[in-house]
Amino acid sequence: MSITPSNSWLVGGGEMGALIRSLDWSRSPLGPIDTWPQSLRTSLGICLSSRFPMAIWWGPEIVQFYNDGYRPFLGTKHPRSMGQRGDECWAEIWNVCGPLYRHVMTTGDSTWSADLQL
């Protein structure tokens, strides 16, 4: 994908930014990149520019995005995990992560766990 005015917000972002640009999002639940909501674009801009490991699970489809710092956590799940549903990627621990995700989505409140072993 070439950089155009409609997707110029996605310039940079390291290896994961390049991976996001290379994928055909038109076949995903989110649709083409140029139709993504501004809130997702802003969130991805923050995530991709951070050196801290960060991941985003977006919307009811739980579409997963992550930055270069997060990639080591994925091991062999990368690169197929970019754009994959979070509950599919993390099926082996979804019994722990799922309730936390549902809490955030239903209440709008954040969650926090001390020393949570996954």
PDB file of N, CA and C in Angstrom:
ATOM      1  N   MET A   1       0.853  -1.167   0.000  1.00  0.00           N
ATOM      2  CA  MET A   1       0.000   0.000   0.000  1.00  0.00           C
ATOM      3  C   MET A   1       0.896   1.226   0.000  1.00  0.00           C
ATOM      4  N   SER A   2       0.585   2.170  -0.853  1.00  0.00           N
ATOM      5  CA  SER A   2       1.353   3.411  -0.862  1.00  0.00           C
ATOM      6  C   SER A   2       0.727   4.406   0.108  1.00  0.00           C
ATOM      7  N   ILE A   3       1.545   5.352   0.554  1.00  0.00           N
ATOM      8  CA  ILE A   3       1.067   6.376   1.475  1.00  0.00           C
ATOM      9  C   ILE A   3       0.309   7.431   0.680  1.00  0.00           C
ATOM     10  N   THR A   4      -0.922   7.686   1.067  1.00  0.00           N
ATOM     11  CA  THR A   4      -1.767   8.703   0.449  1.00  0.00           C
ATOM     12  C   THR A   4      -2.232   9.653   1.544  1.00  0.00           C
ATOM     13  N   PRO A   5      -2.826  10.802   1.167  1.00  0.00           N
ATOM     14  CA  PRO A   5      -3.314  11.708   2.220  1.00  0.00           C
ATOM     15  C   PRO A   5      -4.273  11.039   3.200  1.00  0.00           C
ATOM     16  N   SER A   6      -5.056  10.052   2.742  1.00  0.00           N
ATOM     17  CA  SER A   6      -6.029   9.417   3.637  1.00  0.00           C
ATOM     18  C   SER A   6      -5.393   8.455   4.635  1.00  0.00           C
ATOM     19  N   ASN A   7      -4.161   7.996   4.359  1.00  0.00           N
ATOM     20  CA  ASN A   7      -3.516   7.096   5.312  1.00  0.00           C
ATOM     21  C   ASN A   7      -2.145   7.599   5.740  1.00  0.00           C
ATOM     22  N   SER A   8      -1.897   8.886   5.571  1.00  0.00           N
ATOM     23  CA  SER A   8      -0.595   9.448   5.935  1.00  0.00           C
ATOM     24  C   SER A   8      -0.336   9.356   7.439  1.00  0.00           C
ATOM     25  N   TRP A   9      -1.367   9.187   8.230  1.00  0.00           N
ATOM     26  CA  TRP A   9      -1.217   9.030   9.676  1.00  0.00           C
ATOM     27  C   TRP A   9      -0.474   7.742  10.023  1.00  0.00           C
ATOM     28  N   LEU A  10      -0.359   6.817   9.078  1.00  0.00           N
ATOM     29  CA  LEU A  10       0.258   5.523   9.332  1.00  0.00           C
ATOM     30  C   LEU A  10       1.728   5.479   8.914  1.00  0.00           C
ATOM     31  N   VAL A  11       2.330   6.615   8.636  1.00  0.00           N
ATOM     32  CA  VAL A  11       3.749   6.660   8.286  1.00  0.00           C
ATOM     33  C   VAL A  11       4.563   6.275   9.511  1.00  0.00           C
ATOM     34  N   GLY A  12       5.604   5.488   9.312  1.00  0.00           N
ATOM     35  CA  GLY A  12       6.453   5.084  10.434  1.00  0.00           C
ATOM     36  C   GLY A  12       5.859   3.919  11.183  1.00  0.00           C
ATOM     37  N   GLY A  13       6.157   3.858  12.466  1.00  0.00           N
ATOM     38  CA  GLY A  13       5.638   2.779  13.296  1.00  0.00           C
ATOM     39  C   GLY A  13       6.490   1.534  13.284  1.00  0.00           C
ATOM     40  N   GLY A  14       7.700   1.642  12.757  1.00  0.00           N
ATOM     41  CA  GLY A  14       8.609   0.505  12.772  1.00  0.00           C
ATOM     42  C   GLY A  14       8.122  -0.661  11.936  1.00  0.00           C
ATOM     43  N   GLU A  15       8.580  -1.846  12.320  1.00  0.00           N
ATOM     44  CA  GLU A  15       8.235  -3.066  11.589  1.00  0.00           C
ATOM     45  C   GLU A  15       6.731  -3.339  11.624  1.00  0.00           C
ATOM     46  N   MET A  16       6.079  -3.079  12.758  1.00  0.00           N
ATOM     47  CA  MET A  16       4.643  -3.354  12.855  1.00  0.00           C
ATOM     48  C   MET A  16       3.834  -2.352  12.035  1.00  0.00           C
ATOM     49  N   GLY A  17       4.293  -1.111  11.961  1.00  0.00           N
ATOM     50  CA  GLY A  17       3.643  -0.142  11.086  1.00  0.00           C
ATOM     51  C   GLY A  17       3.707  -0.604   9.640  1.00  0.00           C
ATOM     52  N   ALA A  18       4.877  -1.105   9.231  1.00  0.00           N
ATOM     53  CA  ALA A  18       5.035  -1.625   7.873  1.00  0.00           C
ATOM     54  C   ALA A  18       4.134  -2.837   7.645  1.00  0.00           C
ATOM     55  N   LEU A  19       4.027  -3.707   8.647  1.00  0.00           N
ATOM     56  CA  LEU A  19       3.158  -4.876   8.518  1.00  0.00           C
ATOM     57  C   LEU A  19       1.704  -4.447   8.361  1.00  0.00           C
ATOM     58  N   ILE A  20       1.263  -3.503   9.152  1.00  0.00           N
ATOM     59  CA  ILE A  20      -0.118  -3.010   9.041  1.00  0.00           C
ATOM     60  C   ILE A  20      -0.363  -2.451   7.645  1.00  0.00           C
ATOM     61  N   ARG A  21       0.589  -1.683   7.131  1.00  0.00           N
ATOM     62  CA  ARG A  21       0.437  -1.110   5.785  1.00  0.00           C
ATOM     63  C   ARG A  21       0.398  -2.189   4.706  1.00  0.00           C
ATOM     64  N   SER A  22       1.042  -3.325   4.943  1.00  0.00           N
ATOM     65  CA  SER A  22       1.137  -4.365   3.914  1.00  0.00           C
ATOM     66  C   SER A  22      -0.087  -5.279   3.848  1.00  0.00           C
ATOM     67  N   LEU A  23      -0.898  -5.294   4.890  1.00  0.00           N
ATOM     68  CA  LEU A  23      -2.034  -6.217   4.935  1.00  0.00           C
ATOM     69  C   LEU A  23      -3.239  -5.670   4.179  1.00  0.00           C
ATOM     70  N   ASP A  24      -4.046  -6.571   3.627  1.00  0.00           N
ATOM     71  CA  ASP A  24      -5.282  -6.197   2.942  1.00  0.00           C
ATOM     72  C   ASP A  24      -6.411  -6.163   3.968  1.00  0.00           C
ATOM     73  N   TRP A  25      -6.661  -4.989   4.500  1.00  0.00           N
ATOM     74  CA  TRP A  25      -7.665  -4.828   5.547  1.00  0.00           C
ATOM     75  C   TRP A  25      -9.088  -4.808   5.004  1.00  0.00           C
ATOM     76  N   SER A  26      -9.237  -4.712   3.686  1.00  0.00           N
ATOM     77  CA  SER A  26     -10.586  -4.646   3.117  1.00  0.00           C
ATOM     78  C   SER A  26     -11.375  -5.923   3.391  1.00  0.00           C
ATOM     79  N   ARG A  27     -10.674  -7.024   3.654  1.00  0.00           N
ATOM     80  CA  ARG A  27     -11.348  -8.294   3.948  1.00  0.00           C
ATOM     81  C   ARG A  27     -11.482  -8.551   5.444  1.00  0.00           C
ATOM     82  N   SER A  28     -11.119  -7.568   6.243  1.00  0.00           N
ATOM     83  CA  SER A  28     -11.209  -7.710   7.700  1.00  0.00           C
ATOM     84  C   SER A  28     -12.511  -7.085   8.204  1.00  0.00           C
ATOM     85  N   PRO A  29     -12.883  -7.356   9.447  1.00  0.00           N
ATOM     86  CA  PRO A  29     -14.080  -6.724  10.009  1.00  0.00           C
ATOM     87  C   PRO A  29     -13.996  -5.197  10.030  1.00  0.00           C
ATOM     88  N   LEU A  30     -12.773  -4.655  10.013  1.00  0.00           N
ATOM     89  CA  LEU A  30     -12.599  -3.201  10.063  1.00  0.00           C
ATOM     90  C   LEU A  30     -12.756  -2.537   8.712  1.00  0.00           C
ATOM     91  N   GLY A  31     -12.596  -3.286   7.643  1.00  0.00           N
ATOM     92  CA  GLY A  31     -12.669  -2.708   6.311  1.00  0.00           C
ATOM     93  C   GLY A  31     -11.380  -1.983   5.950  1.00  0.00           C
ATOM     94  N   PRO A  32     -11.371  -1.306   4.796  1.00  0.00           N
ATOM     95  CA  PRO A  32     -10.169  -0.615   4.328  1.00  0.00           C
ATOM     96  C   PRO A  32      -9.672   0.425   5.334  1.00  0.00           C
ATOM     97  N   ILE A  33      -8.356   0.592   5.375  1.00  0.00           N
ATOM     98  CA  ILE A  33      -7.741   1.527   6.322  1.00  0.00           C
ATOM     99  C   ILE A  33      -8.331   2.926   6.220  1.00  0.00           C
ATOM    100  N   ASP A  34      -8.624   3.380   5.005  1.00  0.00           N
ATOM    101  CA  ASP A  34      -9.107   4.758   4.868  1.00  0.00           C
ATOM    102  C   ASP A  34     -10.508   4.960   5.434  1.00  0.00           C
ATOM    103  N   THR A  35     -11.156   3.882   5.890  1.00  0.00           N
ATOM    104  CA  THR A  35     -12.478   4.014   6.522  1.00  0.00           C
ATOM    105  C   THR A  35     -12.421   3.842   8.041  1.00  0.00           C
ATOM    106  N   TRP A  36     -11.232   3.604   8.577  1.00  0.00           N
ATOM    107  CA  TRP A  36     -11.109   3.400  10.022  1.00  0.00           C
ATOM    108  C   TRP A  36     -11.435   4.684  10.773  1.00  0.00           C
ATOM    109  N   PRO A  37     -12.081   4.573  11.930  1.00  0.00           N
ATOM    110  CA  PRO A  37     -12.438   5.771  12.699  1.00  0.00           C
ATOM    111  C   PRO A  37     -11.197   6.499  13.223  1.00  0.00           C
ATOM    112  N   GLN A  38     -11.352   7.792  13.400  1.00  0.00           N
ATOM    113  CA  GLN A  38     -10.242   8.604  13.900  1.00  0.00           C
ATOM    114  C   GLN A  38      -9.734   8.100  15.246  1.00  0.00           C
ATOM    115  N   SER A  39     -10.625   7.602  16.081  1.00  0.00           N
ATOM    116  CA  SER A  39     -10.196   7.101  17.394  1.00  0.00           C
ATOM    117  C   SER A  39      -9.246   5.910  17.257  1.00  0.00           C
ATOM    118  N   LEU A  40      -9.469   5.035  16.286  1.00  0.00           N
ATOM    119  CA  LEU A  40      -8.554   3.916  16.050  1.00  0.00           C
ATOM    120  C   LEU A  40      -7.236   4.433  15.484  1.00  0.00           C
ATOM    121  N   ARG A  41      -7.300   5.359  14.567  1.00  0.00           N
ATOM    122  CA  ARG A  41      -6.078   5.931  13.979  1.00  0.00           C
ATOM    123  C   ARG A  41      -5.210   6.577  15.058  1.00  0.00           C
ATOM    124  N   THR A  42      -5.838   7.331  15.931  1.00  0.00           N
ATOM    125  CA  THR A  42      -5.096   7.988  17.012  1.00  0.00           C
ATOM    126  C   THR A  42      -4.492   6.954  17.955  1.00  0.00           C
ATOM    127  N   SER A  43      -5.286   5.963  18.334  1.00  0.00           N
ATOM    128  CA  SER A  43      -4.795   4.912  19.229  1.00  0.00           C
ATOM    129  C   SER A  43      -3.617   4.164  18.612  1.00  0.00           C
ATOM    130  N   LEU A  44      -3.713   3.840  17.335  1.00  0.00           N
ATOM    131  CA  LEU A  44      -2.615   3.146  16.661  1.00  0.00           C
ATOM    132  C   LEU A  44      -1.378   4.025  16.553  1.00  0.00           C
ATOM    133  N   GLY A  45      -1.578   5.312  16.295  1.00  0.00           N
ATOM    134  CA  GLY A  45      -0.437   6.225  16.237  1.00  0.00           C
ATOM    135  C   GLY A  45       0.330   6.246  17.549  1.00  0.00           C
ATOM    136  N   ILE A  46      -0.393   6.287  18.652  1.00  0.00           N
ATOM    137  CA  ILE A  46       0.243   6.268  19.978  1.00  0.00           C
ATOM    138  C   ILE A  46       0.944   4.929  20.205  1.00  0.00           C
ATOM    139  N   CYS A  47       0.254   3.848  19.915  1.00  0.00           N
ATOM    140  CA  CYS A  47       0.800   2.506  20.120  1.00  0.00           C
ATOM    141  C   CYS A  47       2.071   2.294  19.297  1.00  0.00           C
ATOM    142  N   LEU A  48       2.005   2.576  18.013  1.00  0.00           N
ATOM    143  CA  LEU A  48       3.127   2.288  17.123  1.00  0.00           C
ATOM    144  C   LEU A  48       4.341   3.163  17.388  1.00  0.00           C
ATOM    145  N   SER A  49       4.131   4.355  17.904  1.00  0.00           N
ATOM    146  CA  SER A  49       5.267   5.249  18.153  1.00  0.00           C
ATOM    147  C   SER A  49       5.907   5.022  19.522  1.00  0.00           C
ATOM    148  N   SER A  50       5.296   4.192  20.344  1.00  0.00           N
ATOM    149  CA  SER A  50       5.826   3.933  21.685  1.00  0.00           C
ATOM    150  C   SER A  50       6.912   2.860  21.652  1.00  0.00           C
ATOM    151  N   ARG A  51       7.914   3.031  22.488  1.00  0.00           N
ATOM    152  CA  ARG A  51       8.931   1.989  22.646  1.00  0.00           C
ATOM    153  C   ARG A  51       8.524   0.981  23.712  1.00  0.00           C
ATOM    154  N   PHE A  52       7.496   1.284  24.480  1.00  0.00           N
ATOM    155  CA  PHE A  52       6.976   0.346  25.475  1.00  0.00           C
ATOM    156  C   PHE A  52       6.089  -0.685  24.768  1.00  0.00           C
ATOM    157  N   PRO A  53       6.092  -1.929  25.200  1.00  0.00           N
ATOM    158  CA  PRO A  53       5.214  -2.930  24.594  1.00  0.00           C
ATOM    159  C   PRO A  53       3.751  -2.520  24.759  1.00  0.00           C
ATOM    160  N   MET A  54       3.044  -2.448  23.651  1.00  0.00           N
ATOM    161  CA  MET A  54       1.636  -2.068  23.680  1.00  0.00           C
ATOM    162  C   MET A  54       0.852  -2.901  22.681  1.00  0.00           C
ATOM    163  N   ALA A  55      -0.371  -3.239  23.055  1.00  0.00           N
ATOM    164  CA  ALA A  55      -1.293  -3.933  22.160  1.00  0.00           C
ATOM    165  C   ALA A  55      -2.656  -3.275  22.285  1.00  0.00           C
ATOM    166  N   ILE A  56      -3.429  -3.380  21.226  1.00  0.00           N
ATOM    167  CA  ILE A  56      -4.793  -2.853  21.190  1.00  0.00           C
ATOM    168  C   ILE A  56      -5.698  -3.984  20.728  1.00  0.00           C
ATOM    169  N   TRP A  57      -6.780  -4.207  21.446  1.00  0.00           N
ATOM    170  CA  TRP A  57      -7.848  -5.083  20.979  1.00  0.00           C
ATOM    171  C   TRP A  57      -9.004  -4.156  20.643  1.00  0.00           C
ATOM    172  N   TRP A  58      -9.369  -4.105  19.367  1.00  0.00           N
ATOM    173  CA  TRP A  58     -10.319  -3.104  18.917  1.00  0.00           C
ATOM    174  C   TRP A  58     -11.695  -3.693  18.642  1.00  0.00           C
ATOM    175  N   GLY A  59     -12.693  -3.101  19.260  1.00  0.00           N
ATOM    176  CA  GLY A  59     -14.087  -3.357  18.949  1.00  0.00           C
ATOM    177  C   GLY A  59     -14.609  -4.728  19.330  1.00  0.00           C
ATOM    178  N   PRO A  60     -15.864  -4.984  18.969  1.00  0.00           N
ATOM    179  CA  PRO A  60     -16.493  -6.254  19.327  1.00  0.00           C
ATOM    180  C   PRO A  60     -15.830  -7.456  18.653  1.00  0.00           C
ATOM    181  N   GLU A  61     -15.123  -7.210  17.542  1.00  0.00           N
ATOM    182  CA  GLU A  61     -14.409  -8.292  16.860  1.00  0.00           C
ATOM    183  C   GLU A  61     -13.052  -8.566  17.502  1.00  0.00           C
ATOM    184  N   ILE A  62     -12.650  -7.723  18.458  1.00  0.00           N
ATOM    185  CA  ILE A  62     -11.405  -7.889  19.214  1.00  0.00           C
ATOM    186  C   ILE A  62     -10.195  -7.941  18.275  1.00  0.00           C
ATOM    187  N   VAL A  63     -10.192  -7.083  17.250  1.00  0.00           N
ATOM    188  CA  VAL A  63      -9.087  -7.055  16.288  1.00  0.00           C
ATOM    189  C   VAL A  63      -7.819  -6.602  17.006  1.00  0.00           C
ATOM    190  N   GLN A  64      -6.774  -7.391  16.869  1.00  0.00           N
ATOM    191  CA  GLN A  64      -5.533  -7.163  17.610  1.00  0.00           C
ATOM    192  C   GLN A  64      -4.501  -6.397  16.779  1.00  0.00           C
ATOM    193  N   PHE A  65      -3.947  -5.368  17.391  1.00  0.00           N
ATOM    194  CA  PHE A  65      -2.820  -4.604  16.855  1.00  0.00           C
ATOM    195  C   PHE A  65      -1.754  -4.559  17.935  1.00  0.00           C
ATOM    196  N   TYR A  66      -0.506  -4.371  17.544  1.00  0.00           N
ATOM    197  CA  TYR A  66       0.572  -4.261  18.523  1.00  0.00           C
ATOM    198  C   TYR A  66       1.771  -3.573  17.889  1.00  0.00           C
ATOM    199  N   ASN A  67       2.664  -3.137  18.755  1.00  0.00           N
ATOM    200  CA  ASN A  67       3.854  -2.432  18.280  1.00  0.00           C
ATOM    201  C   ASN A  67       5.079  -3.344  18.324  1.00  0.00           C
ATOM    202  N   ASP A  68       6.212  -2.788  17.887  1.00  0.00           N
ATOM    203  CA  ASP A  68       7.454  -3.562  17.842  1.00  0.00           C
ATOM    204  C   ASP A  68       7.840  -4.090  19.220  1.00  0.00           C
ATOM    205  N   GLY A  69       7.615  -3.306  20.254  1.00  0.00           N
ATOM    206  CA  GLY A  69       7.976  -3.720  21.603  1.00  0.00           C
ATOM    207  C   GLY A  69       7.172  -4.909  22.106  1.00  0.00           C
ATOM    208  N   TYR A  70       5.957  -5.074  21.601  1.00  0.00           N
ATOM    209  CA  TYR A  70       5.074  -6.161  22.031  1.00  0.00           C
ATOM    210  C   TYR A  70       5.361  -7.469  21.300  1.00  0.00           C
ATOM    211  N   ARG A  71       5.968  -7.365  20.133  1.00  0.00           N
ATOM    212  CA  ARG A  71       6.171  -8.540  19.282  1.00  0.00           C
ATOM    213  C   ARG A  71       6.804  -9.724  20.006  1.00  0.00           C
ATOM    214  N   PRO A  72       7.838  -9.553  20.839  1.00  0.00           N
ATOM    215  CA  PRO A  72       8.434 -10.714  21.514  1.00  0.00           C
ATOM    216  C   PRO A  72       7.447 -11.515  22.371  1.00  0.00           C
ATOM    217  N   PHE A  73       6.414 -10.869  22.891  1.00  0.00           N
ATOM    218  CA  PHE A  73       5.417 -11.586  23.692  1.00  0.00           C
ATOM    219  C   PHE A  73       4.644 -12.607  22.856  1.00  0.00           C
ATOM    220  N   LEU A  74       4.593 -12.384  21.556  1.00  0.00           N
ATOM    221  CA  LEU A  74       3.800 -13.230  20.671  1.00  0.00           C
ATOM    222  C   LEU A  74       4.522 -14.491  20.219  1.00  0.00           C
ATOM    223  N   GLY A  75       5.838 -14.492  20.280  1.00  0.00           N
ATOM    224  CA  GLY A  75       6.593 -15.659  19.834  1.00  0.00           C
ATOM    225  C   GLY A  75       6.223 -16.053  18.418  1.00  0.00           C
ATOM    226  N   THR A  76       5.882 -17.322  18.234  1.00  0.00           N
ATOM    227  CA  THR A  76       5.563 -17.828  16.896  1.00  0.00           C
ATOM    228  C   THR A  76       4.174 -17.419  16.409  1.00  0.00           C
ATOM    229  N   LYS A  77       3.414 -16.730  17.236  1.00  0.00           N
ATOM    230  CA  LYS A  77       2.094 -16.248  16.811  1.00  0.00           C
ATOM    231  C   LYS A  77       2.220 -15.099  15.800  1.00  0.00           C
ATOM    232  N   HIS A  78       3.357 -14.419  15.834  1.00  0.00           N
ATOM    233  CA  HIS A  78       3.628 -13.322  14.903  1.00  0.00           C
ATOM    234  C   HIS A  78       4.142 -13.916  13.595  1.00  0.00           C
ATOM    235  N   PRO A  79       3.760 -13.426  12.435  1.00  0.00           N
ATOM    236  CA  PRO A  79       2.990 -12.221  12.152  1.00  0.00           C
ATOM    237  C   PRO A  79       1.488 -12.442  11.982  1.00  0.00           C
ATOM    238  N   ARG A  80       1.038 -13.705  12.012  1.00  0.00           N
ATOM    239  CA  ARG A  80      -0.391 -13.943  11.754  1.00  0.00           C
ATOM    240  C   ARG A  80      -1.292 -13.282  12.785  1.00  0.00           C
ATOM    241  N   SER A  81      -0.728 -12.940  13.948  1.00  0.00           N
ATOM    242  CA  SER A  81      -1.525 -12.349  15.021  1.00  0.00           C
ATOM    243  C   SER A  81      -1.921 -10.900  14.750  1.00  0.00           C
ATOM    244  N   MET A  82      -1.236 -10.225  13.827  1.00  0.00           N
ATOM    245  CA  MET A  82      -1.613  -8.841  13.498  1.00  0.00           C
ATOM    246  C   MET A  82      -2.954  -8.868  12.768  1.00  0.00           C
ATOM    247  N   GLY A  83      -3.943  -8.237  13.360  1.00  0.00           N
ATOM    248  CA  GLY A  83      -5.278  -8.209  12.786  1.00  0.00           C
ATOM    249  C   GLY A  83      -6.134  -9.412  13.152  1.00  0.00           C
ATOM    250  N   GLN A  84      -5.556 -10.376  13.839  1.00  0.00           N
ATOM    251  CA  GLN A  84      -6.295 -11.556  14.272  1.00  0.00           C
ATOM    252  C   GLN A  84      -7.168 -11.189  15.474  1.00  0.00           C
ATOM    253  N   ARG A  85      -8.222 -11.932  15.668  1.00  0.00           N
ATOM    254  CA  ARG A  85      -9.047 -11.731  16.858  1.00  0.00           C
ATOM    255  C   ARG A  85      -8.219 -12.070  18.088  1.00  0.00           C
ATOM    256  N   GLY A  86      -8.310 -11.236  19.106  1.00  0.00           N
ATOM    257  CA  GLY A  86      -7.581 -11.481  20.338  1.00  0.00           C
ATOM    258  C   GLY A  86      -7.951 -12.797  20.987  1.00  0.00           C
ATOM    259  N   ASP A  87      -9.238 -13.153  20.925  1.00  0.00           N
ATOM    260  CA  ASP A  87      -9.665 -14.406  21.555  1.00  0.00           C
ATOM    261  C   ASP A  87      -9.176 -15.631  20.794  1.00  0.00           C
ATOM    262  N   GLU A  88      -8.862 -15.482  19.510  1.00  0.00           N
ATOM    263  CA  GLU A  88      -8.277 -16.585  18.744  1.00  0.00           C
ATOM    264  C   GLU A  88      -6.778 -16.673  18.999  1.00  0.00           C
ATOM    265  N   CYS A  89      -6.115 -15.533  18.972  1.00  0.00           N
ATOM    266  CA  CYS A  89      -4.671 -15.504  19.192  1.00  0.00           C
ATOM    267  C   CYS A  89      -4.313 -16.023  20.579  1.00  0.00           C
ATOM    268  N   TRP A  90      -5.084 -15.625  21.556  1.00  0.00           N
ATOM    269  CA  TRP A  90      -4.783 -15.953  22.955  1.00  0.00           C
ATOM    270  C   TRP A  90      -5.774 -16.963  23.532  1.00  0.00           C
ATOM    271  N   ALA A  91      -6.205 -17.931  22.735  1.00  0.00           N
ATOM    272  CA  ALA A  91      -7.209 -18.915  23.171  1.00  0.00           C
ATOM    273  C   ALA A  91      -6.799 -19.632  24.452  1.00  0.00           C
ATOM    274  N   GLU A  92      -5.507 -19.900  24.606  1.00  0.00           N
ATOM    275  CA  GLU A  92      -5.041 -20.665  25.768  1.00  0.00           C
ATOM    276  C   GLU A  92      -5.131 -19.888  27.083  1.00  0.00           C
ATOM    277  N   ILE A  93      -5.284 -18.568  27.022  1.00  0.00           N
ATOM    278  CA  ILE A  93      -5.424 -17.770  28.253  1.00  0.00           C
ATOM    279  C   ILE A  93      -6.676 -16.888  28.225  1.00  0.00           C
ATOM    280  N   TRP A  94      -7.565 -17.135  27.247  1.00  0.00           N
ATOM    281  CA  TRP A  94      -8.741 -16.281  27.123  1.00  0.00           C
ATOM    282  C   TRP A  94      -9.671 -16.408  28.326  1.00  0.00           C
ATOM    283  N   ASN A  95      -9.594 -17.522  29.034  1.00  0.00           N
ATOM    284  CA  ASN A  95     -10.410 -17.669  30.249  1.00  0.00           C
ATOM    285  C   ASN A  95     -10.031 -16.614  31.292  1.00  0.00           C
ATOM    286  N   VAL A  96      -8.814 -16.085  31.220  1.00  0.00           N
ATOM    287  CA  VAL A  96      -8.367 -15.010  32.113  1.00  0.00           C
ATOM    288  C   VAL A  96      -8.576 -13.649  31.445  1.00  0.00           C
ATOM    289  N   CYS A  97      -8.140 -13.517  30.190  1.00  0.00           N
ATOM    290  CA  CYS A  97      -8.199 -12.227  29.489  1.00  0.00           C
ATOM    291  C   CYS A  97      -9.613 -11.837  29.076  1.00  0.00           C
ATOM    292  N   GLY A  98     -10.412 -12.817  28.696  1.00  0.00           N
ATOM    293  CA  GLY A  98     -11.763 -12.539  28.212  1.00  0.00           C
ATOM    294  C   GLY A  98     -12.620 -11.751  29.189  1.00  0.00           C
ATOM    295  N   PRO A  99     -12.709 -12.177  30.446  1.00  0.00           N
ATOM    296  CA  PRO A  99     -13.506 -11.416  31.407  1.00  0.00           C
ATOM    297  C   PRO A  99     -12.990  -9.985  31.608  1.00  0.00           C
ATOM    298  N   LEU A 100     -11.680  -9.804  31.565  1.00  0.00           N
ATOM    299  CA  LEU A 100     -11.123  -8.453  31.696  1.00  0.00           C
ATOM    300  C   LEU A 100     -11.537  -7.596  30.505  1.00  0.00           C
ATOM    301  N   TYR A 101     -11.442  -8.151  29.311  1.00  0.00           N
ATOM    302  CA  TYR A 101     -11.844  -7.439  28.097  1.00  0.00           C
ATOM    303  C   TYR A 101     -13.334  -7.090  28.147  1.00  0.00           C
ATOM    304  N   ARG A 102     -14.159  -8.074  28.500  1.00  0.00           N
ATOM    305  CA  ARG A 102     -15.607  -7.820  28.572  1.00  0.00           C
ATOM    306  C   ARG A 102     -15.937  -6.745  29.601  1.00  0.00           C
ATOM    307  N   HIS A 103     -15.222  -6.725  30.714  1.00  0.00           N
ATOM    308  CA  HIS A 103     -15.438  -5.695  31.731  1.00  0.00           C
ATOM    309  C   HIS A 103     -15.184  -4.307  31.147  1.00  0.00           C
ATOM    310  N   VAL A 104     -14.080  -4.155  30.456  1.00  0.00           N
ATOM    311  CA  VAL A 104     -13.754  -2.861  29.850  1.00  0.00           C
ATOM    312  C   VAL A 104     -14.819  -2.476  28.831  1.00  0.00           C
ATOM    313  N   MET A 105     -15.211  -3.407  27.983  1.00  0.00           N
ATOM    314  CA  MET A 105     -16.175  -3.107  26.921  1.00  0.00           C
ATOM    315  C   MET A 105     -17.572  -2.801  27.458  1.00  0.00           C
ATOM    316  N   THR A 106     -17.962  -3.415  28.556  1.00  0.00           N
ATOM    317  CA  THR A 106     -19.313  -3.189  29.070  1.00  0.00           C
ATOM    318  C   THR A 106     -19.408  -2.019  30.035  1.00  0.00           C
ATOM    319  N   THR A 107     -18.317  -1.715  30.748  1.00  0.00           N
ATOM    320  CA  THR A 107     -18.373  -0.646  31.750  1.00  0.00           C
ATOM    321  C   THR A 107     -17.630   0.618  31.343  1.00  0.00           C
ATOM    322  N   GLY A 108     -16.666   0.486  30.438  1.00  0.00           N
ATOM    323  CA  GLY A 108     -15.825   1.628  30.088  1.00  0.00           C
ATOM    324  C   GLY A 108     -14.717   1.879  31.089  1.00  0.00           C
ATOM    325  N   ASP A 109     -14.658   1.071  32.133  1.00  0.00           N
ATOM    326  CA  ASP A 109     -13.617   1.203  33.154  1.00  0.00           C
ATOM    327  C   ASP A 109     -12.388   0.400  32.753  1.00  0.00           C
ATOM    328  N   SER A 110     -11.230   0.867  33.167  1.00  0.00           N
ATOM    329  CA  SER A 110     -10.006   0.116  32.917  1.00  0.00           C
ATOM    330  C   SER A 110      -9.875  -1.011  33.935  1.00  0.00           C
ATOM    331  N   THR A 111      -8.955  -1.912  33.674  1.00  0.00           N
ATOM    332  CA  THR A 111      -8.682  -3.000  34.610  1.00  0.00           C
ATOM    333  C   THR A 111      -7.212  -2.966  34.985  1.00  0.00           C
ATOM    334  N   TRP A 112      -6.903  -3.623  36.061  1.00  0.00           N
ATOM    335  CA  TRP A 112      -5.519  -3.705  36.516  1.00  0.00           C
ATOM    336  C   TRP A 112      -5.382  -4.944  37.367  1.00  0.00           C
ATOM    337  N   SER A 113      -4.309  -5.669  37.147  1.00  0.00           N
ATOM    338  CA  SER A 113      -4.036  -6.870  37.937  1.00  0.00           C
ATOM    339  C   SER A 113      -2.576  -6.858  38.341  1.00  0.00           C
ATOM    340  N   ALA A 114      -2.311  -7.098  39.601  1.00  0.00           N
ATOM    341  CA  ALA A 114      -0.930  -7.151  40.086  1.00  0.00           C
ATOM    342  C   ALA A 114      -0.375  -8.555  39.889  1.00  0.00           C
ATOM    343  N   ASP A 115       0.747  -8.637  39.226  1.00  0.00           N
ATOM    344  CA  ASP A 115       1.461  -9.910  39.069  1.00  0.00           C
ATOM    345  C   ASP A 115       0.590 -11.028  38.501  1.00  0.00           C
ATOM    346  N   LEU A 116      -0.206 -10.711  37.504  1.00  0.00           N
ATOM    347  CA  LEU A 116      -1.076 -11.708  36.879  1.00  0.00           C
ATOM    348  C   LEU A 116      -0.229 -12.653  36.032  1.00  0.00           C
ATOM    349  N   GLN A 117      -0.249 -13.920  36.362  1.00  0.00           N
ATOM    350  CA  GLN A 117       0.510 -14.932  35.626  1.00  0.00           C
ATOM    351  C   GLN A 117      -0.316 -15.432  34.450  1.00  0.00           C
ATOM    352  N   LEU A 118       0.209 -15.235  33.257  1.00  0.00           N
ATOM    353  CA  LEU A 118      -0.456 -15.749  32.064  1.00  0.00           C
ATOM    354  C   LEU A 118       0.416 -16.816  31.480  1.00  0.00           C
TER     355      LEU A 118
END
